[in-house]
Structure formats: structure tokens, C-alpha cells
């Protein structure tokens, strides 16, 4: 019981420390180390944070200042925040006025809905709150910041997110029937056909799969779901959560059908497997390149025969001997 009390007290300590605009880089990195040391730490901090947001919504607590993710230049982020607030906040303003002005500032900063789409090349999108989205090929992202909610929709494709932590303004990613609620993190989302996946590089996310309970993922964890099937949890190297950004696709004992789905997106045409090929599994890394390069790599790894045309790619298993 005492151990739980100590964790709760430490969570409250970190919450208070991070609300101090004078908090230095050492405070942010110390918090990140404590958060990732144990799942119990993340749960305790999330409980404190959610309680504060609930109180804030009821106008019984001062506004929580936006908090940057640990990889951001903290000093610069604090300076930008101070510069934005300085014209609005004069000496002697009370808490109620501060809350009103902070909300007004958010609305003033919020952009109208905007859509970003890619074809044969990735795109980096810088959002107004300082977050960044790295949009993969053949993907579409709709962005709308509306009042106290930062909402984006990954209509199709894949994207890696690096989100500025701001508990007063939740960041929610919709991907079809799935939802990802960001609790301050960097993570990757795939939404393609019947396939949905989330992999966490840093921090924590809450994922609500289609017709399934909400699941909390921390750094090094991934969730995948196909159609309405039961979601599956797996481990992933944090630095490989969005490996496509480094120009590679990494697989560990994955069905060849999963690889074919990825190649279909990259080649922008269907990759069709024969029954014999669908039984194969693949472990390895494919370097992202043109069609000939990617198909040759796969053929070098596996006992398969590939027949590519302008409209489709067919993959068959080679006969033994």
C-alpha cells in the first residue's frame, strides 16, 4: 500500500513541477525517465492529469499551460509560449481572466479544416500547435482544431505523429472506426483497407479499436487489427515504430499477406498471392525503392516467383527442388 502511495505522491510532484514555466530540460527528461520506468508510474500520472483536466473543465482550477514533448527544444518552446501570451496577459489579471484569454488564444490559433494528401512521395506537415505529422505515400490526412479539441482523421494510408503534450486540449486521431487518443507521445498509425495498426515510439497513447475496449500503449508496444477481428498486442523496437521514415520496411515472422498489403500501397496496385504463397511467412527488411528493386528483394529472401504487369503483381511459391 505504501508503494502505491509513494507513486501517487511522486506523480503529483511531477505534475506540479511540469506546470512551472521555469522548469528546465533536466526536469522534462527526469519526468520522462520516471514515466517509462514502470507502467504504474504512467497510470498514476494519467490519473492526476485527468483529474486536473476535469476540474479545469468545471472552472474550478487554473488553465493548464501547453506542455511540449521531450524531444522539442524546451527553452524555445517556452519562449514562443511566453511571446504569444505577453500581448494578452497584463499584471494583476485574475485566474478567471487568464482562463478566458487562454481559450480565446487557442481559438485564434486554431486553423480551419485542412486536408493533406500524398501520392508517390512522403510529406511532413507542421501543425499550428507545434506538433508534426509525417505522412507516408498514398495517404490522406484531414486536420481540424476546434475549440478545446485537436482532431485529425487519417482517412487512408500511414502517418507518424510527434505530438506536443497539452492535456487541456486532447489530440485525437480517427482512423476509420478506430480512435487514438494522444497522452503526449510519438507514434505511428496505419489505416489501409481492413488493416489498422498503432506502434508507439515514445510516451503513451490510448487506442480504441473497432468494436473493442480501449487499450493503453506505451513506448515499445504495438496493436494491430484486421477488419472486426480481435486486436493483437505485440512488442516493437521504439526506433522501428515508423521505420518507413528511414526508408525501410521491417518484418519479424509476419505472414506474406501482410507484406503484400504494404507493397500494394507502395506500388499503388494490387499484389496478389497464390494459395501456396499465402502460407509463407517473412522475416527481414525491405529497402523502399522503385517497383523492380522492392520485388527483387522479396524474391531474394523467399522461395517465390513474381510476375509483374502494369496493373497487378502476382506472387506464387516456387516448387521444392
C-alpha atoms as a PDB file:
ATOM      1  CA  UNK A   1       0.000   0.000   0.000  1.00  0.00           C
ATOM      2  CA  UNK A   2       2.824   2.402   0.881  1.00  0.00           C
ATOM      3  CA  UNK A   3       4.453   1.775  -2.508  1.00  0.00           C
ATOM      4  CA  UNK A   4       1.276   2.897  -4.267  1.00  0.00           C
ATOM      5  CA  UNK A   5       1.087   5.983  -2.045  1.00  0.00           C
ATOM      6  CA  UNK A   6       4.688   6.883  -2.885  1.00  0.00           C
ATOM      7  CA  UNK A   7       3.978   6.553  -6.619  1.00  0.00           C
ATOM      8  CA  UNK A   8       0.864   8.738  -6.346  1.00  0.00           C
ATOM      9  CA  UNK A   9       2.804  11.384  -4.428  1.00  0.00           C
ATOM     10  CA  UNK A  10       5.588  11.320  -6.997  1.00  0.00           C
ATOM     11  CA  UNK A  11       3.063  11.643  -9.824  1.00  0.00           C
ATOM     12  CA  UNK A  12       1.618  14.727  -8.135  1.00  0.00           C
ATOM     13  CA  UNK A  13       5.142  16.090  -7.658  1.00  0.00           C
ATOM     14  CA  UNK A  14       5.891  15.733 -11.382  1.00  0.00           C
ATOM     15  CA  UNK A  15       2.574  17.286 -12.349  1.00  0.00           C
ATOM     16  CA  UNK A  16       3.266  20.371 -10.235  1.00  0.00           C
ATOM     17  CA  UNK A  17       6.874  20.583 -11.455  1.00  0.00           C
ATOM     18  CA  UNK A  18       5.883  20.449 -15.123  1.00  0.00           C
ATOM     19  CA  UNK A  19       3.333  23.236 -14.702  1.00  0.00           C
ATOM     20  CA  UNK A  20       6.165  25.592 -13.739  1.00  0.00           C
ATOM     21  CA  UNK A  21       7.128  27.542 -16.862  1.00  0.00           C
ATOM     22  CA  UNK A  22      10.636  27.890 -15.433  1.00  0.00           C
ATOM     23  CA  UNK A  23      11.105  24.113 -15.467  1.00  0.00           C
ATOM     24  CA  UNK A  24      14.330  23.282 -17.273  1.00  0.00           C
ATOM     25  CA  UNK A  25      15.284  20.499 -19.638  1.00  0.00           C
ATOM     26  CA  UNK A  26      16.515  18.360 -16.725  1.00  0.00           C
ATOM     27  CA  UNK A  27      13.005  18.371 -15.259  1.00  0.00           C
ATOM     28  CA  UNK A  28      11.435  17.205 -18.530  1.00  0.00           C
ATOM     29  CA  UNK A  29      13.970  14.454 -19.110  1.00  0.00           C
ATOM     30  CA  UNK A  30      13.754  13.361 -15.466  1.00  0.00           C
ATOM     31  CA  UNK A  31       9.996  13.093 -15.789  1.00  0.00           C
ATOM     32  CA  UNK A  32      10.280  11.058 -18.993  1.00  0.00           C
ATOM     33  CA  UNK A  33      12.686   8.608 -17.313  1.00  0.00           C
ATOM     34  CA  UNK A  34      10.368   8.213 -14.310  1.00  0.00           C
ATOM     35  CA  UNK A  35       7.301   7.775 -16.545  1.00  0.00           C
ATOM     36  CA  UNK A  36       8.868   4.964 -18.568  1.00  0.00           C
ATOM     37  CA  UNK A  37      10.395   3.190 -15.549  1.00  0.00           C
ATOM     38  CA  UNK A  38       7.135   1.421 -14.692  1.00  0.00           C
ATOM     39  CA  UNK A  39       3.605   1.083 -16.099  1.00  0.00           C
ATOM     40  CA  UNK A  40       2.355   2.029 -12.618  1.00  0.00           C
ATOM     41  CA  UNK A  41       4.049   5.431 -12.952  1.00  0.00           C
ATOM     42  CA  UNK A  42       2.235   6.211 -16.190  1.00  0.00           C
ATOM     43  CA  UNK A  43      -1.109   5.120 -14.703  1.00  0.00           C
ATOM     44  CA  UNK A  44      -0.623   7.305 -11.626  1.00  0.00           C
ATOM     45  CA  UNK A  45       0.373  10.357 -13.645  1.00  0.00           C
ATOM     46  CA  UNK A  46      -2.524   9.901 -16.033  1.00  0.00           C
ATOM     47  CA  UNK A  47      -4.933   9.777 -13.070  1.00  0.00           C
ATOM     48  CA  UNK A  48      -3.584  13.065 -11.700  1.00  0.00           C
ATOM     49  CA  UNK A  49      -3.665  14.673 -15.129  1.00  0.00           C
ATOM     50  CA  UNK A  50      -7.232  13.589 -15.895  1.00  0.00           C
ATOM     51  CA  UNK A  51      -8.448  14.805 -12.515  1.00  0.00           C
ATOM     52  CA  UNK A  52      -6.934  18.214 -13.175  1.00  0.00           C
ATOM     53  CA  UNK A  53      -8.487  18.414 -16.641  1.00  0.00           C
ATOM     54  CA  UNK A  54     -11.903  17.512 -15.188  1.00  0.00           C
ATOM     55  CA  UNK A  55     -11.559  20.236 -12.571  1.00  0.00           C
ATOM     56  CA  UNK A  56     -10.409  22.706 -15.190  1.00  0.00           C
ATOM     57  CA  UNK A  57     -13.456  21.922 -17.330  1.00  0.00           C
ATOM     58  CA  UNK A  58     -15.611  22.796 -14.326  1.00  0.00           C
ATOM     59  CA  UNK A  59     -13.817  26.153 -13.959  1.00  0.00           C
ATOM     60  CA  UNK A  60     -12.513  25.164 -10.537  1.00  0.00           C
ATOM     61  CA  UNK A  61      -8.835  25.172 -11.483  1.00  0.00           C
ATOM     62  CA  UNK A  62      -6.488  27.421 -13.468  1.00  0.00           C
ATOM     63  CA  UNK A  63      -5.764  26.599 -17.063  1.00  0.00           C
ATOM     64  CA  UNK A  64      -3.010  24.068 -17.732  1.00  0.00           C
ATOM     65  CA  UNK A  65      -0.340  25.574 -19.968  1.00  0.00           C
ATOM     66  CA  UNK A  66       0.586  23.613 -23.136  1.00  0.00           C
ATOM     67  CA  UNK A  67       3.450  21.214 -22.452  1.00  0.00           C
ATOM     68  CA  UNK A  68       5.955  20.255 -25.150  1.00  0.00           C
ATOM     69  CA  UNK A  69       7.104  16.730 -25.863  1.00  0.00           C
ATOM     70  CA  UNK A  70      10.610  15.893 -24.543  1.00  0.00           C
ATOM     71  CA  UNK A  71      12.261  15.918 -27.963  1.00  0.00           C
ATOM     72  CA  UNK A  72      11.341  19.543 -28.591  1.00  0.00           C
ATOM     73  CA  UNK A  73      13.675  22.449 -27.752  1.00  0.00           C
ATOM     74  CA  UNK A  74      12.081  23.283 -24.408  1.00  0.00           C
ATOM     75  CA  UNK A  75      13.625  26.705 -23.975  1.00  0.00           C
ATOM     76  CA  UNK A  76      12.482  27.796 -27.416  1.00  0.00           C
ATOM     77  CA  UNK A  77       9.004  26.368 -26.810  1.00  0.00           C
ATOM     78  CA  UNK A  78       8.698  28.277 -23.540  1.00  0.00           C
ATOM     79  CA  UNK A  79       9.856  31.472 -25.223  1.00  0.00           C
ATOM     80  CA  UNK A  80       7.297  31.071 -28.006  1.00  0.00           C
ATOM     81  CA  UNK A  81       4.546  30.438 -25.473  1.00  0.00           C
ATOM     82  CA  UNK A  82       5.560  33.478 -23.433  1.00  0.00           C
ATOM     83  CA  UNK A  83       5.648  35.691 -26.538  1.00  0.00           C
ATOM     84  CA  UNK A  84       2.159  34.549 -27.528  1.00  0.00           C
ATOM     85  CA  UNK A  85       0.769  35.290 -24.079  1.00  0.00           C
ATOM     86  CA  UNK A  86       2.559  38.581 -23.391  1.00  0.00           C
ATOM     87  CA  UNK A  87       0.307  40.859 -25.513  1.00  0.00           C
ATOM     88  CA  UNK A  88      -2.769  39.429 -23.833  1.00  0.00           C
ATOM     89  CA  UNK A  89      -1.847  38.947 -20.178  1.00  0.00           C
ATOM     90  CA  UNK A  90      -1.199  42.093 -18.139  1.00  0.00           C
ATOM     91  CA  UNK A  91      -0.200  42.378 -14.488  1.00  0.00           C
ATOM     92  CA  UNK A  92      -2.946  41.760 -11.975  1.00  0.00           C
ATOM     93  CA  UNK A  93      -5.235  39.624 -14.176  1.00  0.00           C
ATOM     94  CA  UNK A  94      -7.110  37.047 -12.119  1.00  0.00           C
ATOM     95  CA  UNK A  95      -7.400  33.332 -12.753  1.00  0.00           C
ATOM     96  CA  UNK A  96     -10.781  33.637 -14.470  1.00  0.00           C
ATOM     97  CA  UNK A  97      -9.436  36.221 -16.926  1.00  0.00           C
ATOM     98  CA  UNK A  98      -6.385  34.046 -17.613  1.00  0.00           C
ATOM     99  CA  UNK A  99      -8.635  31.091 -18.414  1.00  0.00           C
ATOM    100  CA  UNK A 100     -10.792  33.163 -20.756  1.00  0.00           C
ATOM    101  CA  UNK A 101      -7.826  34.657 -22.597  1.00  0.00           C
ATOM    102  CA  UNK A 102      -6.059  31.316 -22.920  1.00  0.00           C
ATOM    103  CA  UNK A 103      -9.147  29.765 -24.503  1.00  0.00           C
ATOM    104  CA  UNK A 104      -9.531  32.751 -26.809  1.00  0.00           C
ATOM    105  CA  UNK A 105      -5.911  32.462 -27.849  1.00  0.00           C
ATOM    106  CA  UNK A 106      -6.367  28.787 -28.701  1.00  0.00           C
ATOM    107  CA  UNK A 107      -9.363  29.575 -30.883  1.00  0.00           C
ATOM    108  CA  UNK A 108      -7.417  32.346 -32.591  1.00  0.00           C
ATOM    109  CA  UNK A 109      -4.542  29.981 -33.293  1.00  0.00           C
ATOM    110  CA  UNK A 110      -6.751  27.123 -34.485  1.00  0.00           C
ATOM    111  CA  UNK A 111      -6.709  26.674 -38.265  1.00  0.00           C
ATOM    112  CA  UNK A 112      -9.744  25.871 -40.352  1.00  0.00           C
ATOM    113  CA  UNK A 113     -10.131  22.315 -41.528  1.00  0.00           C
ATOM    114  CA  UNK A 114      -7.411  21.336 -43.977  1.00  0.00           C
ATOM    115  CA  UNK A 115      -6.637  18.210 -45.989  1.00  0.00           C
ATOM    116  CA  UNK A 116      -3.181  16.869 -46.855  1.00  0.00           C
ATOM    117  CA  UNK A 117      -2.698  14.090 -49.405  1.00  0.00           C
ATOM    118  CA  UNK A 118       0.333  12.314 -50.847  1.00  0.00           C
ATOM    119  CA  UNK A 119       0.908  10.179 -53.925  1.00  0.00           C
ATOM    120  CA  UNK A 120       4.411   8.875 -54.667  1.00  0.00           C
ATOM    121  CA  UNK A 121       6.366  10.807 -52.013  1.00  0.00           C
ATOM    122  CA  UNK A 122       6.014  11.338 -48.230  1.00  0.00           C
ATOM    123  CA  UNK A 123       5.118  14.726 -46.763  1.00  0.00           C
ATOM    124  CA  UNK A 124       5.925  16.487 -43.478  1.00  0.00           C
ATOM    125  CA  UNK A 125       3.063  18.548 -42.027  1.00  0.00           C
ATOM    126  CA  UNK A 126       3.748  21.134 -39.305  1.00  0.00           C
ATOM    127  CA  UNK A 127       0.596  21.789 -37.263  1.00  0.00           C
ATOM    128  CA  UNK A 128      -0.229  25.065 -35.531  1.00  0.00           C
ATOM    129  CA  UNK A 129       0.305  23.668 -32.032  1.00  0.00           C
ATOM    130  CA  UNK A 130       3.905  22.672 -32.811  1.00  0.00           C
ATOM    131  CA  UNK A 131       3.084  19.013 -33.474  1.00  0.00           C
ATOM    132  CA  UNK A 132       4.390  17.320 -36.622  1.00  0.00           C
ATOM    133  CA  UNK A 133       2.861  14.666 -38.855  1.00  0.00           C
ATOM    134  CA  UNK A 134       4.965  12.619 -41.275  1.00  0.00           C
ATOM    135  CA  UNK A 135       2.565  11.408 -43.947  1.00  0.00           C
ATOM    136  CA  UNK A 136       3.574   8.281 -45.874  1.00  0.00           C
ATOM    137  CA  UNK A 137       2.943   7.694 -49.573  1.00  0.00           C
ATOM    138  CA  UNK A 138      -0.623   7.316 -50.857  1.00  0.00           C
ATOM    139  CA  UNK A 139      -2.115   8.716 -47.650  1.00  0.00           C
ATOM    140  CA  UNK A 140      -4.668  11.382 -46.737  1.00  0.00           C
ATOM    141  CA  UNK A 141      -4.974  13.379 -43.526  1.00  0.00           C
ATOM    142  CA  UNK A 142      -7.804  15.746 -42.535  1.00  0.00           C
ATOM    143  CA  UNK A 143      -6.969  18.248 -39.771  1.00  0.00           C
ATOM    144  CA  UNK A 144      -9.394  20.307 -37.700  1.00  0.00           C
ATOM    145  CA  UNK A 145      -8.583  22.128 -34.477  1.00  0.00           C
ATOM    146  CA  UNK A 146     -11.899  23.097 -32.931  1.00  0.00           C
ATOM    147  CA  UNK A 147     -12.067  24.806 -29.542  1.00  0.00           C
ATOM    148  CA  UNK A 148     -10.556  22.579 -26.881  1.00  0.00           C
ATOM    149  CA  UNK A 149     -10.012  19.585 -29.170  1.00  0.00           C
ATOM    150  CA  UNK A 150      -7.245  18.858 -31.659  1.00  0.00           C
ATOM    151  CA  UNK A 151      -8.744  16.369 -34.109  1.00  0.00           C
ATOM    152  CA  UNK A 152      -7.223  14.724 -37.163  1.00  0.00           C
ATOM    153  CA  UNK A 153      -8.524  11.943 -39.376  1.00  0.00           C
ATOM    154  CA  UNK A 154      -6.264   9.518 -41.213  1.00  0.00           C
ATOM    155  CA  UNK A 155      -8.711   8.689 -43.984  1.00  0.00           C
ATOM    156  CA  UNK A 156      -6.265   6.361 -45.750  1.00  0.00           C
ATOM    157  CA  UNK A 157      -2.638   5.311 -45.514  1.00  0.00           C
ATOM    158  CA  UNK A 158       0.003   5.722 -42.837  1.00  0.00           C
ATOM    159  CA  UNK A 159       1.376   8.566 -40.719  1.00  0.00           C
ATOM    160  CA  UNK A 160       3.870   9.079 -37.916  1.00  0.00           C
ATOM    161  CA  UNK A 161       2.906  11.671 -35.301  1.00  0.00           C
ATOM    162  CA  UNK A 162       5.055  13.704 -32.908  1.00  0.00           C
ATOM    163  CA  UNK A 163       2.540  15.495 -30.710  1.00  0.00           C
ATOM    164  CA  UNK A 164       3.080  18.397 -28.332  1.00  0.00           C
ATOM    165  CA  UNK A 165       1.694  17.373 -24.958  1.00  0.00           C
ATOM    166  CA  UNK A 166      -1.242  19.546 -23.841  1.00  0.00           C
ATOM    167  CA  UNK A 167      -3.736  17.808 -21.523  1.00  0.00           C
ATOM    168  CA  UNK A 168      -6.157  20.742 -21.731  1.00  0.00           C
ATOM    169  CA  UNK A 169      -6.537  20.207 -25.486  1.00  0.00           C
ATOM    170  CA  UNK A 170      -6.735  16.475 -26.317  1.00  0.00           C
ATOM    171  CA  UNK A 171      -5.215  15.307 -29.599  1.00  0.00           C
ATOM    172  CA  UNK A 172      -7.364  12.588 -31.156  1.00  0.00           C
ATOM    173  CA  UNK A 173      -6.640  10.616 -34.325  1.00  0.00           C
ATOM    174  CA  UNK A 174      -9.594   8.968 -36.061  1.00  0.00           C
ATOM    175  CA  UNK A 175      -8.771   6.112 -38.441  1.00  0.00           C
ATOM    176  CA  UNK A 176     -11.990   4.674 -39.794  1.00  0.00           C
ATOM    177  CA  UNK A 177     -13.836   3.021 -36.897  1.00  0.00           C
ATOM    178  CA  UNK A 178     -10.730   3.253 -34.718  1.00  0.00           C
ATOM    179  CA  UNK A 179      -9.578   6.078 -32.455  1.00  0.00           C
ATOM    180  CA  UNK A 180      -6.223   7.005 -30.925  1.00  0.00           C
ATOM    181  CA  UNK A 181      -6.132   9.460 -28.029  1.00  0.00           C
ATOM    182  CA  UNK A 182      -2.740  11.025 -27.501  1.00  0.00           C
ATOM    183  CA  UNK A 183      -1.447  11.460 -23.985  1.00  0.00           C
ATOM    184  CA  UNK A 184       1.809  13.064 -25.156  1.00  0.00           C
ATOM    185  CA  UNK A 185       3.954  10.989 -27.477  1.00  0.00           C
ATOM    186  CA  UNK A 186       5.430   9.992 -30.832  1.00  0.00           C
ATOM    187  CA  UNK A 187       3.666   7.122 -32.574  1.00  0.00           C
ATOM    188  CA  UNK A 188       2.742   5.593 -35.938  1.00  0.00           C
ATOM    189  CA  UNK A 189      -0.755   4.833 -37.301  1.00  0.00           C
ATOM    190  CA  UNK A 190      -1.708   2.657 -40.270  1.00  0.00           C
ATOM    191  CA  UNK A 191      -5.229   2.713 -41.723  1.00  0.00           C
ATOM    192  CA  UNK A 192      -5.432   0.824 -45.025  1.00  0.00           C
ATOM    193  CA  UNK A 193      -8.398  -1.218 -46.164  1.00  0.00           C
ATOM    194  CA  UNK A 194      -9.223  -3.646 -43.351  1.00  0.00           C
ATOM    195  CA  UNK A 195      -5.837  -3.168 -41.671  1.00  0.00           C
ATOM    196  CA  UNK A 196      -5.281  -0.922 -38.661  1.00  0.00           C
ATOM    197  CA  UNK A 197      -2.120  -0.639 -36.564  1.00  0.00           C
ATOM    198  CA  UNK A 198      -0.564   1.634 -33.951  1.00  0.00           C
ATOM    199  CA  UNK A 199       3.071   1.488 -32.804  1.00  0.00           C
ATOM    200  CA  UNK A 200       4.445   3.740 -30.050  1.00  0.00           C
ATOM    201  CA  UNK A 201       7.918   5.246 -30.267  1.00  0.00           C
ATOM    202  CA  UNK A 202       7.780   7.457 -27.175  1.00  0.00           C
ATOM    203  CA  UNK A 203       5.272   8.215 -24.443  1.00  0.00           C
ATOM    204  CA  UNK A 204       1.729   6.875 -24.096  1.00  0.00           C
ATOM    205  CA  UNK A 205      -1.402   6.564 -26.270  1.00  0.00           C
ATOM    206  CA  UNK A 206      -4.902   5.244 -25.604  1.00  0.00           C
ATOM    207  CA  UNK A 207      -6.276   3.237 -28.546  1.00  0.00           C
ATOM    208  CA  UNK A 208      -9.928   2.340 -29.080  1.00  0.00           C
ATOM    209  CA  UNK A 209     -10.021  -0.353 -31.791  1.00  0.00           C
ATOM    210  CA  UNK A 210     -13.181  -1.112 -33.769  1.00  0.00           C
ATOM    211  CA  UNK A 211     -15.750  -2.844 -31.513  1.00  0.00           C
ATOM    212  CA  UNK A 212     -13.172  -3.467 -28.767  1.00  0.00           C
ATOM    213  CA  UNK A 213     -12.285  -1.930 -25.377  1.00  0.00           C
ATOM    214  CA  UNK A 214      -9.789   0.910 -25.069  1.00  0.00           C
ATOM    215  CA  UNK A 215      -6.161  -0.199 -24.720  1.00  0.00           C
ATOM    216  CA  UNK A 216      -3.272   1.843 -23.308  1.00  0.00           C
ATOM    217  CA  UNK A 217       0.049   1.509 -25.178  1.00  0.00           C
ATOM    218  CA  UNK A 218       3.451   2.716 -24.009  1.00  0.00           C
ATOM    219  CA  UNK A 219       6.772   3.038 -25.824  1.00  0.00           C
ATOM    220  CA  UNK A 220       7.749  -0.249 -27.479  1.00  0.00           C
ATOM    221  CA  UNK A 221       4.199  -1.575 -27.767  1.00  0.00           C
ATOM    222  CA  UNK A 222       2.037  -2.042 -30.860  1.00  0.00           C
ATOM    223  CA  UNK A 223      -1.554  -3.009 -31.614  1.00  0.00           C
ATOM    224  CA  UNK A 224      -2.853  -4.454 -34.881  1.00  0.00           C
ATOM    225  CA  UNK A 225      -6.379  -5.283 -36.014  1.00  0.00           C
ATOM    226  CA  UNK A 226      -7.768  -6.679 -39.255  1.00  0.00           C
ATOM    227  CA  UNK A 227     -11.396  -5.875 -40.039  1.00  0.00           C
ATOM    228  CA  UNK A 228     -13.507  -6.620 -36.925  1.00  0.00           C
ATOM    229  CA  UNK A 229     -11.207  -9.314 -35.537  1.00  0.00           C
ATOM    230  CA  UNK A 230      -9.829  -9.226 -32.006  1.00  0.00           C
ATOM    231  CA  UNK A 231      -6.921  -6.742 -31.755  1.00  0.00           C
ATOM    232  CA  UNK A 232      -3.452  -8.225 -31.178  1.00  0.00           C
ATOM    233  CA  UNK A 233      -0.748  -6.703 -28.989  1.00  0.00           C
ATOM    234  CA  UNK A 234       2.948  -7.026 -29.809  1.00  0.00           C
ATOM    235  CA  UNK A 235       6.352  -5.613 -28.921  1.00  0.00           C
ATOM    236  CA  UNK A 236       8.184  -3.289 -31.311  1.00  0.00           C
ATOM    237  CA  UNK A 237      11.584  -1.635 -31.099  1.00  0.00           C
ATOM    238  CA  UNK A 238      10.756   2.035 -30.403  1.00  0.00           C
ATOM    239  CA  UNK A 239      13.167   3.218 -33.089  1.00  0.00           C
ATOM    240  CA  UNK A 240      11.361   0.971 -35.595  1.00  0.00           C
ATOM    241  CA  UNK A 241       7.824   2.170 -34.815  1.00  0.00           C
ATOM    242  CA  UNK A 242       7.921   4.253 -38.006  1.00  0.00           C
ATOM    243  CA  UNK A 243      10.806   2.541 -39.805  1.00  0.00           C
ATOM    244  CA  UNK A 244       9.424   3.634 -43.168  1.00  0.00           C
ATOM    245  CA  UNK A 245      10.715   7.122 -42.395  1.00  0.00           C
ATOM    246  CA  UNK A 246      14.251   5.669 -42.540  1.00  0.00           C
ATOM    247  CA  UNK A 247      13.497   4.114 -45.919  1.00  0.00           C
ATOM    248  CA  UNK A 248      12.930   0.509 -44.812  1.00  0.00           C
ATOM    249  CA  UNK A 249      10.026  -1.833 -44.088  1.00  0.00           C
ATOM    250  CA  UNK A 250      10.851  -4.199 -41.213  1.00  0.00           C
ATOM    251  CA  UNK A 251       9.096  -7.545 -40.599  1.00  0.00           C
ATOM    252  CA  UNK A 252       9.504 -10.215 -37.935  1.00  0.00           C
ATOM    253  CA  UNK A 253       7.786 -13.557 -38.678  1.00  0.00           C
ATOM    254  CA  UNK A 254       4.893 -11.866 -40.487  1.00  0.00           C
ATOM    255  CA  UNK A 255       2.503 -13.564 -42.921  1.00  0.00           C
ATOM    256  CA  UNK A 256       3.435 -12.831 -46.522  1.00  0.00           C
ATOM    257  CA  UNK A 257      -0.075 -11.436 -46.910  1.00  0.00           C
ATOM    258  CA  UNK A 258       0.880  -8.535 -44.604  1.00  0.00           C
ATOM    259  CA  UNK A 259       3.918  -7.792 -46.763  1.00  0.00           C
ATOM    260  CA  UNK A 260       1.768  -7.938 -49.887  1.00  0.00           C
ATOM    261  CA  UNK A 261      -0.658  -5.406 -48.394  1.00  0.00           C
ATOM    262  CA  UNK A 262       2.220  -2.999 -47.713  1.00  0.00           C
ATOM    263  CA  UNK A 263       3.644  -3.442 -51.200  1.00  0.00           C
ATOM    264  CA  UNK A 264       0.212  -2.794 -52.686  1.00  0.00           C
ATOM    265  CA  UNK A 265       0.239   0.624 -51.034  1.00  0.00           C
ATOM    266  CA  UNK A 266       3.775   1.465 -52.115  1.00  0.00           C
ATOM    267  CA  UNK A 267       3.349   0.234 -55.686  1.00  0.00           C
ATOM    268  CA  UNK A 268      -0.206   1.626 -55.973  1.00  0.00           C
ATOM    269  CA  UNK A 269      -1.530  -1.603 -57.492  1.00  0.00           C
ATOM    270  CA  UNK A 270      -2.661  -4.948 -56.047  1.00  0.00           C
ATOM    271  CA  UNK A 271      -0.105  -7.569 -55.043  1.00  0.00           C
ATOM    272  CA  UNK A 272      -1.968 -10.886 -55.308  1.00  0.00           C
ATOM    273  CA  UNK A 273      -0.763 -14.065 -53.580  1.00  0.00           C
ATOM    274  CA  UNK A 274      -1.480 -17.615 -54.673  1.00  0.00           C
ATOM    275  CA  UNK A 275      -2.719 -20.053 -52.040  1.00  0.00           C
ATOM    276  CA  UNK A 276       0.755 -21.602 -51.729  1.00  0.00           C
ATOM    277  CA  UNK A 277       2.416 -18.182 -51.337  1.00  0.00           C
ATOM    278  CA  UNK A 278      -0.081 -17.071 -48.701  1.00  0.00           C
ATOM    279  CA  UNK A 279       1.157 -19.855 -46.425  1.00  0.00           C
ATOM    280  CA  UNK A 280       4.663 -18.316 -46.300  1.00  0.00           C
ATOM    281  CA  UNK A 281       5.975 -16.079 -43.513  1.00  0.00           C
ATOM    282  CA  UNK A 282       8.653 -13.408 -43.784  1.00  0.00           C
ATOM    283  CA  UNK A 283      11.377 -12.032 -41.513  1.00  0.00           C
ATOM    284  CA  UNK A 284      13.607  -9.314 -42.897  1.00  0.00           C
ATOM    285  CA  UNK A 285      13.877  -5.714 -44.067  1.00  0.00           C
ATOM    286  CA  UNK A 286      12.938  -4.352 -47.480  1.00  0.00           C
ATOM    287  CA  UNK A 287      14.566  -1.155 -48.678  1.00  0.00           C
ATOM    288  CA  UNK A 288      11.948   1.221 -50.049  1.00  0.00           C
ATOM    289  CA  UNK A 289      12.650   1.917 -53.714  1.00  0.00           C
ATOM    290  CA  UNK A 290      11.089   1.533 -57.117  1.00  0.00           C
ATOM    291  CA  UNK A 291       8.976  -1.473 -58.027  1.00  0.00           C
ATOM    292  CA  UNK A 292      11.749  -3.587 -59.536  1.00  0.00           C
ATOM    293  CA  UNK A 293      14.017  -3.088 -56.507  1.00  0.00           C
ATOM    294  CA  UNK A 294      11.380  -3.968 -53.900  1.00  0.00           C
ATOM    295  CA  UNK A 295      10.103  -7.033 -55.740  1.00  0.00           C
ATOM    296  CA  UNK A 296      13.631  -8.319 -56.359  1.00  0.00           C
ATOM    297  CA  UNK A 297      14.489  -8.005 -52.659  1.00  0.00           C
ATOM    298  CA  UNK A 298      11.424 -10.029 -51.694  1.00  0.00           C
ATOM    299  CA  UNK A 299      12.242 -12.678 -54.291  1.00  0.00           C
ATOM    300  CA  UNK A 300      15.807 -12.928 -52.952  1.00  0.00           C
ATOM    301  CA  UNK A 301      14.507 -13.596 -49.426  1.00  0.00           C
ATOM    302  CA  UNK A 302      11.781 -16.130 -50.171  1.00  0.00           C
ATOM    303  CA  UNK A 303      11.162 -19.177 -52.399  1.00  0.00           C
ATOM    304  CA  UNK A 304       8.712 -17.289 -54.598  1.00  0.00           C
ATOM    305  CA  UNK A 305       8.168 -16.415 -58.245  1.00  0.00           C
ATOM    306  CA  UNK A 306       6.889 -12.934 -59.124  1.00  0.00           C
ATOM    307  CA  UNK A 307       5.026 -11.923 -62.267  1.00  0.00           C
ATOM    308  CA  UNK A 308       4.541  -8.141 -62.502  1.00  0.00           C
ATOM    309  CA  UNK A 309       2.363  -6.342 -65.038  1.00  0.00           C
ATOM    310  CA  UNK A 310       1.214  -2.741 -65.390  1.00  0.00           C
ATOM    311  CA  UNK A 311      -1.957  -3.430 -63.398  1.00  0.00           C
ATOM    312  CA  UNK A 312      -1.007  -6.028 -60.774  1.00  0.00           C
ATOM    313  CA  UNK A 313       1.706  -8.189 -59.233  1.00  0.00           C
ATOM    314  CA  UNK A 314       1.187 -11.937 -58.807  1.00  0.00           C
ATOM    315  CA  UNK A 315       3.264 -13.959 -56.344  1.00  0.00           C
ATOM    316  CA  UNK A 316       3.493 -17.775 -56.397  1.00  0.00           C
ATOM    317  CA  UNK A 317       5.532 -20.122 -54.218  1.00  0.00           C
ATOM    318  CA  UNK A 318       8.288 -21.971 -56.074  1.00  0.00           C
ATOM    319  CA  UNK A 319       8.060 -25.740 -56.024  1.00  0.00           C
ATOM    320  CA  UNK A 320      10.649 -27.548 -53.898  1.00  0.00           C
ATOM    321  CA  UNK A 321      13.688 -28.798 -55.815  1.00  0.00           C
END
